[in-house]
Structure formats: C-alpha cells, structure tokens
Amino acid sequence: MPFLIETFDKPDSQELRQALRAKHLDFLEENKSLLLACGAKLEDDGSGGTGSVYIVDLETRAQAEDFVNADPFAVGGLFERMVITRWRKAYLNGESYL
C-alpha cells in the first residue's frame, strides 16, 4: 500500500533548494518506478518551494523512510521536518481503484 510523504523546508532555504535541485531531479528520475505522484509545494503566488509531496508505491514505513532520507534534499539538510502517512489509492488520473 502506498505512502504519502510530505516535507517542509527550513525557513529561508530557497538558495539551498535551488543548489540541490539538479541532484534531486536525478534522484526522482532514478526512482520513477516508485512514484505515483510527486511535486513541490509552492507559495500562494506560485513562487519558491516550501516543501514537497511524494506518493510512493512502497510496502513498509521503513522503505518510505529510506526513500525520503536518500533524497538529496534530505541529505543536503533542506527539510525542517517530514510526515509519512500510509495512503489508500481511491482515485488516480480519474480512474477508481475502489
């Protein structure tokens, strides 16, 4: 069953986010088979990121923790905190999984 991972960037960390972004995108590409969805959380005006959301197809919380802790954003110290929640896929891309 998938997990939803929500991360929260440290305050005033846009420069660090940009410095780590290329490595982060490489990490996502390398792990795309695990990703049901992911993306940055943005300021209301659409500017800089404030964290990320990942929905990953993994079986255990330990796997979800390992996944997010290997992200260059986490390794580089961008995240202030992370929340990992087991998630039930009900609808995805307009398709019901119920």
PDB file of N, CA and C in Angstrom:
ATOM      1  N   MET A   1       0.845  -1.179   0.000  1.00  0.00           N
ATOM      2  CA  MET A   1       0.000   0.000   0.000  1.00  0.00           C
ATOM      3  C   MET A   1       0.890   1.242   0.000  1.00  0.00           C
ATOM      4  N   PRO A   2       0.557   2.236  -0.781  1.00  0.00           N
ATOM      5  CA  PRO A   2       1.410   3.427  -0.911  1.00  0.00           C
ATOM      6  C   PRO A   2       1.493   4.271   0.363  1.00  0.00           C
ATOM      7  N   PHE A   3       2.472   5.156   0.340  1.00  0.00           N
ATOM      8  CA  PHE A   3       2.672   6.133   1.412  1.00  0.00           C
ATOM      9  C   PHE A   3       2.693   7.530   0.810  1.00  0.00           C
ATOM     10  N   LEU A   4       2.104   8.473   1.546  1.00  0.00           N
ATOM     11  CA  LEU A   4       2.197   9.881   1.225  1.00  0.00           C
ATOM     12  C   LEU A   4       3.271  10.463   2.130  1.00  0.00           C
ATOM     13  N   ILE A   5       4.242  11.113   1.527  1.00  0.00           N
ATOM     14  CA  ILE A   5       5.318  11.761   2.270  1.00  0.00           C
ATOM     15  C   ILE A   5       5.213  13.256   2.014  1.00  0.00           C
ATOM     16  N   GLU A   6       5.081  14.022   3.088  1.00  0.00           N
ATOM     17  CA  GLU A   6       5.048  15.477   2.977  1.00  0.00           C
ATOM     18  C   GLU A   6       6.259  16.037   3.703  1.00  0.00           C
ATOM     19  N   THR A   7       6.991  16.888   3.001  1.00  0.00           N
ATOM     20  CA  THR A   7       8.168  17.506   3.601  1.00  0.00           C
ATOM     21  C   THR A   7       7.948  19.008   3.725  1.00  0.00           C
ATOM     22  N   PHE A   8       8.633  19.582   4.690  1.00  0.00           N
ATOM     23  CA  PHE A   8       8.538  21.004   4.976  1.00  0.00           C
ATOM     24  C   PHE A   8       9.954  21.572   4.991  1.00  0.00           C
ATOM     25  N   ASP A   9      10.226  22.523   4.109  1.00  0.00           N
ATOM     26  CA  ASP A   9      11.559  23.123   4.031  1.00  0.00           C
ATOM     27  C   ASP A   9      11.840  23.990   5.253  1.00  0.00           C
ATOM     28  N   LYS A  10      13.104  24.099   5.585  1.00  0.00           N
ATOM     29  CA  LYS A  10      13.525  25.037   6.617  1.00  0.00           C
ATOM     30  C   LYS A  10      13.230  26.458   6.132  1.00  0.00           C
ATOM     31  N   PRO A  11      12.979  27.384   7.048  1.00  0.00           N
ATOM     32  CA  PRO A  11      12.744  28.777   6.637  1.00  0.00           C
ATOM     33  C   PRO A  11      13.937  29.354   5.878  1.00  0.00           C
ATOM     34  N   ASP A  12      13.639  30.235   4.954  1.00  0.00           N
ATOM     35  CA  ASP A  12      14.670  30.958   4.198  1.00  0.00           C
ATOM     36  C   ASP A  12      15.686  30.018   3.547  1.00  0.00           C
ATOM     37  N   SER A  13      15.176  28.968   2.884  1.00  0.00           N
ATOM     38  CA  SER A  13      16.070  27.955   2.316  1.00  0.00           C
ATOM     39  C   SER A  13      15.980  27.846   0.794  1.00  0.00           C
ATOM     40  N   GLN A  14      15.460  28.893   0.127  1.00  0.00           N
ATOM     41  CA  GLN A  14      15.327  28.836  -1.333  1.00  0.00           C
ATOM     42  C   GLN A  14      16.666  28.621  -2.032  1.00  0.00           C
ATOM     43  N   GLU A  15      17.698  29.256  -1.541  1.00  0.00           N
ATOM     44  CA  GLU A  15      19.022  29.110  -2.166  1.00  0.00           C
ATOM     45  C   GLU A  15      19.497  27.661  -2.061  1.00  0.00           C
ATOM     46  N   LEU A  16      19.302  27.036  -0.903  1.00  0.00           N
ATOM     47  CA  LEU A  16      19.688  25.631  -0.730  1.00  0.00           C
ATOM     48  C   LEU A  16      18.846  24.734  -1.626  1.00  0.00           C
ATOM     49  N   ARG A  17      17.546  24.991  -1.706  1.00  0.00           N
ATOM     50  CA  ARG A  17      16.663  24.198  -2.575  1.00  0.00           C
ATOM     51  C   ARG A  17      17.175  24.249  -4.012  1.00  0.00           C
ATOM     52  N   GLN A  18      17.511  25.424  -4.492  1.00  0.00           N
ATOM     53  CA  GLN A  18      17.989  25.560  -5.872  1.00  0.00           C
ATOM     54  C   GLN A  18      19.340  24.875  -6.069  1.00  0.00           C
ATOM     55  N   ALA A  19      20.202  24.953  -5.075  1.00  0.00           N
ATOM     56  CA  ALA A  19      21.521  24.317  -5.181  1.00  0.00           C
ATOM     57  C   ALA A  19      21.406  22.790  -5.262  1.00  0.00           C
ATOM     58  N   LEU A  20      20.396  22.216  -4.613  1.00  0.00           N
ATOM     59  CA  LEU A  20      20.229  20.755  -4.577  1.00  0.00           C
ATOM     60  C   LEU A  20      19.285  20.232  -5.656  1.00  0.00           C
ATOM     61  N   ARG A  21      18.630  21.118  -6.369  1.00  0.00           N
ATOM     62  CA  ARG A  21      17.542  20.735  -7.277  1.00  0.00           C
ATOM     63  C   ARG A  21      17.968  19.743  -8.359  1.00  0.00           C
ATOM     64  N   ALA A  22      19.090  19.951  -9.002  1.00  0.00           N
ATOM     65  CA  ALA A  22      19.511  19.049 -10.092  1.00  0.00           C
ATOM     66  C   ALA A  22      19.714  17.624  -9.573  1.00  0.00           C
ATOM     67  N   LYS A  23      20.373  17.491  -8.429  1.00  0.00           N
ATOM     68  CA  LYS A  23      20.575  16.156  -7.843  1.00  0.00           C
ATOM     69  C   LYS A  23      19.239  15.544  -7.432  1.00  0.00           C
ATOM     70  N   HIS A  24      18.344  16.364  -6.896  1.00  0.00           N
ATOM     71  CA  HIS A  24      17.015  15.902  -6.508  1.00  0.00           C
ATOM     72  C   HIS A  24      16.261  15.366  -7.728  1.00  0.00           C
ATOM     73  N   LEU A  25      16.286  16.098  -8.838  1.00  0.00           N
ATOM     74  CA  LEU A  25      15.600  15.649 -10.048  1.00  0.00           C
ATOM     75  C   LEU A  25      16.206  14.359 -10.587  1.00  0.00           C
ATOM     76  N   ASP A  26      17.524  14.202 -10.503  1.00  0.00           N
ATOM     77  CA  ASP A  26      18.166  12.941 -10.894  1.00  0.00           C
ATOM     78  C   ASP A  26      17.674  11.792 -10.021  1.00  0.00           C
ATOM     79  N   PHE A  27      17.557  12.050  -8.712  1.00  0.00           N
ATOM     80  CA  PHE A  27      17.054  11.049  -7.761  1.00  0.00           C
ATOM     81  C   PHE A  27      15.637  10.625  -8.136  1.00  0.00           C
ATOM     82  N   LEU A  28      14.785  11.589  -8.454  1.00  0.00           N
ATOM     83  CA  LEU A  28      13.420  11.258  -8.853  1.00  0.00           C
ATOM     84  C   LEU A  28      13.402  10.421 -10.124  1.00  0.00           C
ATOM     85  N   GLU A  29      14.218  10.783 -11.088  1.00  0.00           N
ATOM     86  CA  GLU A  29      14.287  10.013 -12.332  1.00  0.00           C
ATOM     87  C   GLU A  29      14.739   8.580 -12.063  1.00  0.00           C
ATOM     88  N   GLU A  30      15.732   8.416 -11.206  1.00  0.00           N
ATOM     89  CA  GLU A  30      16.236   7.075 -10.868  1.00  0.00           C
ATOM     90  C   GLU A  30      15.189   6.235 -10.137  1.00  0.00           C
ATOM     91  N   ASN A  31      14.258   6.884  -9.466  1.00  0.00           N
ATOM     92  CA  ASN A  31      13.264   6.181  -8.659  1.00  0.00           C
ATOM     93  C   ASN A  31      11.846   6.330  -9.201  1.00  0.00           C
ATOM     94  N   LYS A  32      11.705   6.700 -10.458  1.00  0.00           N
ATOM     95  CA  LYS A  32      10.387   6.989 -11.012  1.00  0.00           C
ATOM     96  C   LYS A  32       9.443   5.792 -10.969  1.00  0.00           C
ATOM     97  N   SER A  33       9.964   4.580 -10.936  1.00  0.00           N
ATOM     98  CA  SER A  33       9.090   3.408 -10.876  1.00  0.00           C
ATOM     99  C   SER A  33       8.344   3.329  -9.539  1.00  0.00           C
ATOM    100  N   LEU A  34       8.829   4.033  -8.519  1.00  0.00           N
ATOM    101  CA  LEU A  34       8.183   4.045  -7.202  1.00  0.00           C
ATOM    102  C   LEU A  34       7.184   5.187  -7.050  1.00  0.00           C
ATOM    103  N   LEU A  35       7.231   6.162  -7.947  1.00  0.00           N
ATOM    104  CA  LEU A  35       6.459   7.391  -7.792  1.00  0.00           C
ATOM    105  C   LEU A  35       5.078   7.288  -8.447  1.00  0.00           C
ATOM    106  N   LEU A  36       4.042   7.405  -7.635  1.00  0.00           N
ATOM    107  CA  LEU A  36       2.698   7.541  -8.171  1.00  0.00           C
ATOM    108  C   LEU A  36       2.436   9.001  -8.495  1.00  0.00           C
ATOM    109  N   ALA A  37       3.012   9.885  -7.684  1.00  0.00           N
ATOM    110  CA  ALA A  37       2.909  11.330  -7.896  1.00  0.00           C
ATOM    111  C   ALA A  37       3.952  12.001  -7.013  1.00  0.00           C
ATOM    112  N   CYS A  38       4.389  13.174  -7.419  1.00  0.00           N
ATOM    113  CA  CYS A  38       5.264  13.977  -6.566  1.00  0.00           C
ATOM    114  C   CYS A  38       5.334  15.385  -7.136  1.00  0.00           C
ATOM    115  N   GLY A  39       5.732  16.309  -6.280  1.00  0.00           N
ATOM    116  CA  GLY A  39       5.895  17.683  -6.729  1.00  0.00           C
ATOM    117  C   GLY A  39       6.165  18.605  -5.568  1.00  0.00           C
ATOM    118  N   ALA A  40       6.567  19.811  -5.912  1.00  0.00           N
ATOM    119  CA  ALA A  40       6.886  20.820  -4.898  1.00  0.00           C
ATOM    120  C   ALA A  40       5.618  21.503  -4.413  1.00  0.00           C
ATOM    121  N   LYS A  41       5.632  21.866  -3.137  1.00  0.00           N
ATOM    122  CA  LYS A  41       4.602  22.744  -2.584  1.00  0.00           C
ATOM    123  C   LYS A  41       5.114  24.162  -2.768  1.00  0.00           C
ATOM    124  N   LEU A  42       4.255  25.049  -3.275  1.00  0.00           N
ATOM    125  CA  LEU A  42       4.679  26.403  -3.632  1.00  0.00           C
ATOM    126  C   LEU A  42       3.991  27.452  -2.763  1.00  0.00           C
ATOM    127  N   GLU A  43       4.593  28.629  -2.739  1.00  0.00           N
ATOM    128  CA  GLU A  43       3.946  29.791  -2.141  1.00  0.00           C
ATOM    129  C   GLU A  43       2.648  30.056  -2.910  1.00  0.00           C
ATOM    130  N   ASP A  44       1.682  30.749  -2.293  1.00  0.00           N
ATOM    131  CA  ASP A  44       0.404  31.012  -2.946  1.00  0.00           C
ATOM    132  C   ASP A  44       0.553  31.729  -4.281  1.00  0.00           C
ATOM    133  N   ASP A  45       1.589  32.542  -4.427  1.00  0.00           N
ATOM    134  CA  ASP A  45       1.779  33.275  -5.685  1.00  0.00           C
ATOM    135  C   ASP A  45       2.511  32.435  -6.738  1.00  0.00           C
ATOM    136  N   GLY A  46       2.778  31.156  -6.421  1.00  0.00           N
ATOM    137  CA  GLY A  46       3.433  30.263  -7.375  1.00  0.00           C
ATOM    138  C   GLY A  46       4.934  30.368  -7.376  1.00  0.00           C
ATOM    139  N   SER A  47       5.470  31.180  -6.495  1.00  0.00           N
ATOM    140  CA  SER A  47       6.923  31.334  -6.441  1.00  0.00           C
ATOM    141  C   SER A  47       7.534  30.182  -5.648  1.00  0.00           C
ATOM    142  N   GLY A  48       8.664  30.389  -5.072  1.00  0.00           N
ATOM    143  CA  GLY A  48       9.502  29.381  -4.443  1.00  0.00           C
ATOM    144  C   GLY A  48       8.821  28.262  -3.697  1.00  0.00           C
ATOM    145  N   GLY A  49       9.500  27.125  -3.654  1.00  0.00           N
ATOM    146  CA  GLY A  49       9.012  25.942  -2.982  1.00  0.00           C
ATOM    147  C   GLY A  49       9.081  26.068  -1.473  1.00  0.00           C
ATOM    148  N   THR A  50       8.150  25.372  -0.818  1.00  0.00           N
ATOM    149  CA  THR A  50       8.109  25.359   0.641  1.00  0.00           C
ATOM    150  C   THR A  50       8.235  23.953   1.193  1.00  0.00           C
ATOM    151  N   GLY A  51       8.351  22.993   0.307  1.00  0.00           N
ATOM    152  CA  GLY A  51       8.435  21.584   0.682  1.00  0.00           C
ATOM    153  C   GLY A  51       8.030  20.742  -0.514  1.00  0.00           C
ATOM    154  N   SER A  52       7.779  19.476  -0.251  1.00  0.00           N
ATOM    155  CA  SER A  52       7.429  18.552  -1.323  1.00  0.00           C
ATOM    156  C   SER A  52       6.355  17.580  -0.861  1.00  0.00           C
ATOM    157  N   VAL A  53       5.676  16.985  -1.838  1.00  0.00           N
ATOM    158  CA  VAL A  53       4.743  15.890  -1.600  1.00  0.00           C
ATOM    159  C   VAL A  53       5.142  14.752  -2.522  1.00  0.00           C
ATOM    160  N   TYR A  54       5.245  13.570  -1.953  1.00  0.00           N
ATOM    161  CA  TYR A  54       5.539  12.364  -2.719  1.00  0.00           C
ATOM    162  C   TYR A  54       4.466  11.335  -2.374  1.00  0.00           C
ATOM    163  N   ILE A  55       3.953  10.643  -3.363  1.00  0.00           N
ATOM    164  CA  ILE A  55       3.149   9.451  -3.114  1.00  0.00           C
ATOM    165  C   ILE A  55       3.927   8.317  -3.753  1.00  0.00           C
ATOM    166  N   VAL A  56       4.415   7.433  -2.894  1.00  0.00           N
ATOM    167  CA  VAL A  56       5.333   6.379  -3.336  1.00  0.00           C
ATOM    168  C   VAL A  56       4.699   5.014  -3.141  1.00  0.00           C
ATOM    169  N   ASP A  57       4.941   4.136  -4.090  1.00  0.00           N
ATOM    170  CA  ASP A  57       4.404   2.781  -4.064  1.00  0.00           C
ATOM    171  C   ASP A  57       5.414   1.871  -3.364  1.00  0.00           C
ATOM    172  N   LEU A  58       5.321   1.836  -2.049  1.00  0.00           N
ATOM    173  CA  LEU A  58       6.213   1.032  -1.219  1.00  0.00           C
ATOM    174  C   LEU A  58       5.380   0.254  -0.207  1.00  0.00           C
ATOM    175  N   GLU A  59       5.924  -0.809   0.315  1.00  0.00           N
ATOM    176  CA  GLU A  59       5.162  -1.698   1.189  1.00  0.00           C
ATOM    177  C   GLU A  59       5.262  -1.353   2.674  1.00  0.00           C
ATOM    178  N   THR A  60       6.355  -0.739   3.098  1.00  0.00           N
ATOM    179  CA  THR A  60       6.542  -0.525   4.528  1.00  0.00           C
ATOM    180  C   THR A  60       6.949   0.914   4.826  1.00  0.00           C
ATOM    181  N   ARG A  61       6.675   1.334   6.056  1.00  0.00           N
ATOM    182  CA  ARG A  61       7.106   2.657   6.506  1.00  0.00           C
ATOM    183  C   ARG A  61       8.625   2.766   6.431  1.00  0.00           C
ATOM    184  N   ALA A  62       9.327   1.700   6.782  1.00  0.00           N
ATOM    185  CA  ALA A  62      10.795   1.725   6.726  1.00  0.00           C
ATOM    186  C   ALA A  62      11.279   2.012   5.314  1.00  0.00           C
ATOM    187  N   GLN A  63      10.636   1.423   4.314  1.00  0.00           N
ATOM    188  CA  GLN A  63      11.010   1.699   2.921  1.00  0.00           C
ATOM    189  C   GLN A  63      10.728   3.155   2.565  1.00  0.00           C
ATOM    190  N   ALA A  64       9.606   3.687   3.022  1.00  0.00           N
ATOM    191  CA  ALA A  64       9.271   5.085   2.756  1.00  0.00           C
ATOM    192  C   ALA A  64      10.284   6.010   3.424  1.00  0.00           C
ATOM    193  N   GLU A  65      10.677   5.697   4.646  1.00  0.00           N
ATOM    194  CA  GLU A  65      11.690   6.489   5.344  1.00  0.00           C
ATOM    195  C   GLU A  65      13.021   6.436   4.606  1.00  0.00           C
ATOM    196  N   ASP A  66      13.415   5.235   4.179  1.00  0.00           N
ATOM    197  CA  ASP A  66      14.673   5.094   3.429  1.00  0.00           C
ATOM    198  C   ASP A  66      14.626   5.909   2.142  1.00  0.00           C
ATOM    199  N   PHE A  67      13.478   5.852   1.456  1.00  0.00           N
ATOM    200  CA  PHE A  67      13.326   6.594   0.204  1.00  0.00           C
ATOM    201  C   PHE A  67      13.544   8.083   0.435  1.00  0.00           C
ATOM    202  N   VAL A  68      12.790   8.682   1.344  1.00  0.00           N
ATOM    203  CA  VAL A  68      12.868  10.135   1.521  1.00  0.00           C
ATOM    204  C   VAL A  68      14.207  10.549   2.117  1.00  0.00           C
ATOM    205  N   ASN A  69      14.785   9.726   2.973  1.00  0.00           N
ATOM    206  CA  ASN A  69      16.085  10.066   3.554  1.00  0.00           C
ATOM    207  C   ASN A  69      17.222   9.997   2.545  1.00  0.00           C
ATOM    208  N   ALA A  70      17.014   9.295   1.426  1.00  0.00           N
ATOM    209  CA  ALA A  70      18.031   9.221   0.367  1.00  0.00           C
ATOM    210  C   ALA A  70      17.907  10.376  -0.630  1.00  0.00           C
ATOM    211  N   ASP A  71      16.810  11.119  -0.585  1.00  0.00           N
ATOM    212  CA  ASP A  71      16.609  12.259  -1.479  1.00  0.00           C
ATOM    213  C   ASP A  71      17.690  13.309  -1.194  1.00  0.00           C
ATOM    214  N   PRO A  72      18.350  13.816  -2.205  1.00  0.00           N
ATOM    215  CA  PRO A  72      19.370  14.849  -1.990  1.00  0.00           C
ATOM    216  C   PRO A  72      18.860  16.069  -1.215  1.00  0.00           C
ATOM    217  N   PHE A  73      17.565  16.370  -1.303  1.00  0.00           N
ATOM    218  CA  PHE A  73      17.020  17.446  -0.473  1.00  0.00           C
ATOM    219  C   PHE A  73      17.178  17.110   1.013  1.00  0.00           C
ATOM    220  N   ALA A  74      16.900  15.858   1.384  1.00  0.00           N
ATOM    221  CA  ALA A  74      17.053  15.439   2.785  1.00  0.00           C
ATOM    222  C   ALA A  74      18.528  15.352   3.162  1.00  0.00           C
ATOM    223  N   VAL A  75      19.318  14.721   2.313  1.00  0.00           N
ATOM    224  CA  VAL A  75      20.751  14.570   2.577  1.00  0.00           C
ATOM    225  C   VAL A  75      21.415  15.934   2.745  1.00  0.00           C
ATOM    226  N   GLY A  76      20.983  16.903   1.939  1.00  0.00           N
ATOM    227  CA  GLY A  76      21.562  18.245   1.969  1.00  0.00           C
ATOM    228  C   GLY A  76      21.041  19.137   3.077  1.00  0.00           C
ATOM    229  N   GLY A  77      20.101  18.648   3.884  1.00  0.00           N
ATOM    230  CA  GLY A  77      19.624  19.408   5.023  1.00  0.00           C
ATOM    231  C   GLY A  77      18.525  20.416   4.724  1.00  0.00           C
ATOM    232  N   LEU A  78      17.791  20.240   3.631  1.00  0.00           N
ATOM    233  CA  LEU A  78      16.741  21.194   3.268  1.00  0.00           C
ATOM    234  C   LEU A  78      15.511  21.084   4.172  1.00  0.00           C
ATOM    235  N   PHE A  79      15.172  19.868   4.575  1.00  0.00           N
ATOM    236  CA  PHE A  79      13.903  19.663   5.257  1.00  0.00           C
ATOM    237  C   PHE A  79      13.982  19.987   6.745  1.00  0.00           C
ATOM    238  N   GLU A  80      12.994  20.738   7.193  1.00  0.00           N
ATOM    239  CA  GLU A  80      12.825  21.001   8.621  1.00  0.00           C
ATOM    240  C   GLU A  80      12.168  19.804   9.291  1.00  0.00           C
ATOM    241  N   ARG A  81      11.178  19.236   8.566  1.00  0.00           N
ATOM    242  CA  ARG A  81      10.514  18.037   9.081  1.00  0.00           C
ATOM    243  C   ARG A  81       9.837  17.302   7.936  1.00  0.00           C
ATOM    244  N   MET A  82       9.451  16.042   8.224  1.00  0.00           N
ATOM    245  CA  MET A  82       8.779  15.194   7.256  1.00  0.00           C
ATOM    246  C   MET A  82       7.642  14.468   7.957  1.00  0.00           C
ATOM    247  N   VAL A  83       6.568  14.215   7.229  1.00  0.00           N
ATOM    248  CA  VAL A  83       5.452  13.429   7.736  1.00  0.00           C
ATOM    249  C   VAL A  83       5.207  12.308   6.741  1.00  0.00           C
ATOM    250  N   ILE A  84       5.148  11.076   7.242  1.00  0.00           N
ATOM    251  CA  ILE A  84       4.912   9.906   6.392  1.00  0.00           C
ATOM    252  C   ILE A  84       3.606   9.265   6.845  1.00  0.00           C
ATOM    253  N   THR A  85       2.682   9.093   5.893  1.00  0.00           N
ATOM    254  CA  THR A  85       1.357   8.568   6.187  1.00  0.00           C
ATOM    255  C   THR A  85       1.006   7.485   5.187  1.00  0.00           C
ATOM    256  N   ARG A  86       0.526   6.328   5.683  1.00  0.00           N
ATOM    257  CA  ARG A  86       0.051   5.297   4.766  1.00  0.00           C
ATOM    258  C   ARG A  86      -1.155   5.864   4.025  1.00  0.00           C
ATOM    259  N   TRP A  87      -1.263   5.542   2.737  1.00  0.00           N
ATOM    260  CA  TRP A  87      -2.267   6.153   1.868  1.00  0.00           C
ATOM    261  C   TRP A  87      -2.999   5.066   1.092  1.00  0.00           C
ATOM    262  N   ARG A  88      -4.304   5.202   0.992  1.00  0.00           N
ATOM    263  CA  ARG A  88      -5.105   4.274   0.188  1.00  0.00           C
ATOM    264  C   ARG A  88      -5.465   4.959  -1.124  1.00  0.00           C
ATOM    265  N   LYS A  89      -5.101   4.328  -2.205  1.00  0.00           N
ATOM    266  CA  LYS A  89      -5.404   4.863  -3.533  1.00  0.00           C
ATOM    267  C   LYS A  89      -6.877   4.598  -3.830  1.00  0.00           C
ATOM    268  N   ALA A  90      -7.671   5.657  -3.924  1.00  0.00           N
ATOM    269  CA  ALA A  90      -9.084   5.536  -4.265  1.00  0.00           C
ATOM    270  C   ALA A  90      -9.309   5.937  -5.718  1.00  0.00           C
ATOM    271  N   TYR A  91      -8.802   7.104  -6.104  1.00  0.00           N
ATOM    272  CA  TYR A  91      -8.864   7.570  -7.490  1.00  0.00           C
ATOM    273  C   TYR A  91      -7.496   8.101  -7.888  1.00  0.00           C
ATOM    274  N   LEU A  92      -7.095   7.804  -9.086  1.00  0.00           N
ATOM    275  CA  LEU A  92      -5.852   8.309  -9.626  1.00  0.00           C
ATOM    276  C   LEU A  92      -6.043   8.516 -11.126  1.00  0.00           C
ATOM    277  N   ASN A  93      -5.731   9.715 -11.590  1.00  0.00           N
ATOM    278  CA  ASN A  93      -5.910  10.054 -13.009  1.00  0.00           C
ATOM    279  C   ASN A  93      -7.326   9.766 -13.486  1.00  0.00           C
ATOM    280  N   GLY A  94      -8.311  10.033 -12.622  1.00  0.00           N
ATOM    281  CA  GLY A  94      -9.710   9.836 -12.983  1.00  0.00           C
ATOM    282  C   GLY A  94     -10.192   8.405 -12.960  1.00  0.00           C
ATOM    283  N   GLU A  95      -9.351   7.467 -12.539  1.00  0.00           N
ATOM    284  CA  GLU A  95      -9.714   6.057 -12.501  1.00  0.00           C
ATOM    285  C   GLU A  95      -9.940   5.619 -11.058  1.00  0.00           C
ATOM    286  N   SER A  96     -11.021   4.879 -10.843  1.00  0.00           N
ATOM    287  CA  SER A  96     -11.340   4.369  -9.498  1.00  0.00           C
ATOM    288  C   SER A  96     -10.560   3.093  -9.218  1.00  0.00           C
ATOM    289  N   TYR A  97     -10.022   3.010  -8.011  1.00  0.00           N
ATOM    290  CA  TYR A  97      -9.352   1.799  -7.539  1.00  0.00           C
ATOM    291  C   TYR A  97     -10.109   1.183  -6.383  1.00  0.00           C
ATOM    292  N   LEU A  98     -11.353   1.633  -6.183  1.00  0.00           N
ATOM    293  CA  LEU A  98     -12.175   1.126  -5.070  1.00  0.00           C
ATOM    294  C   LEU A  98     -12.788  -0.206  -5.404  1.00  0.00           C
TER     295      LEU A  98
END
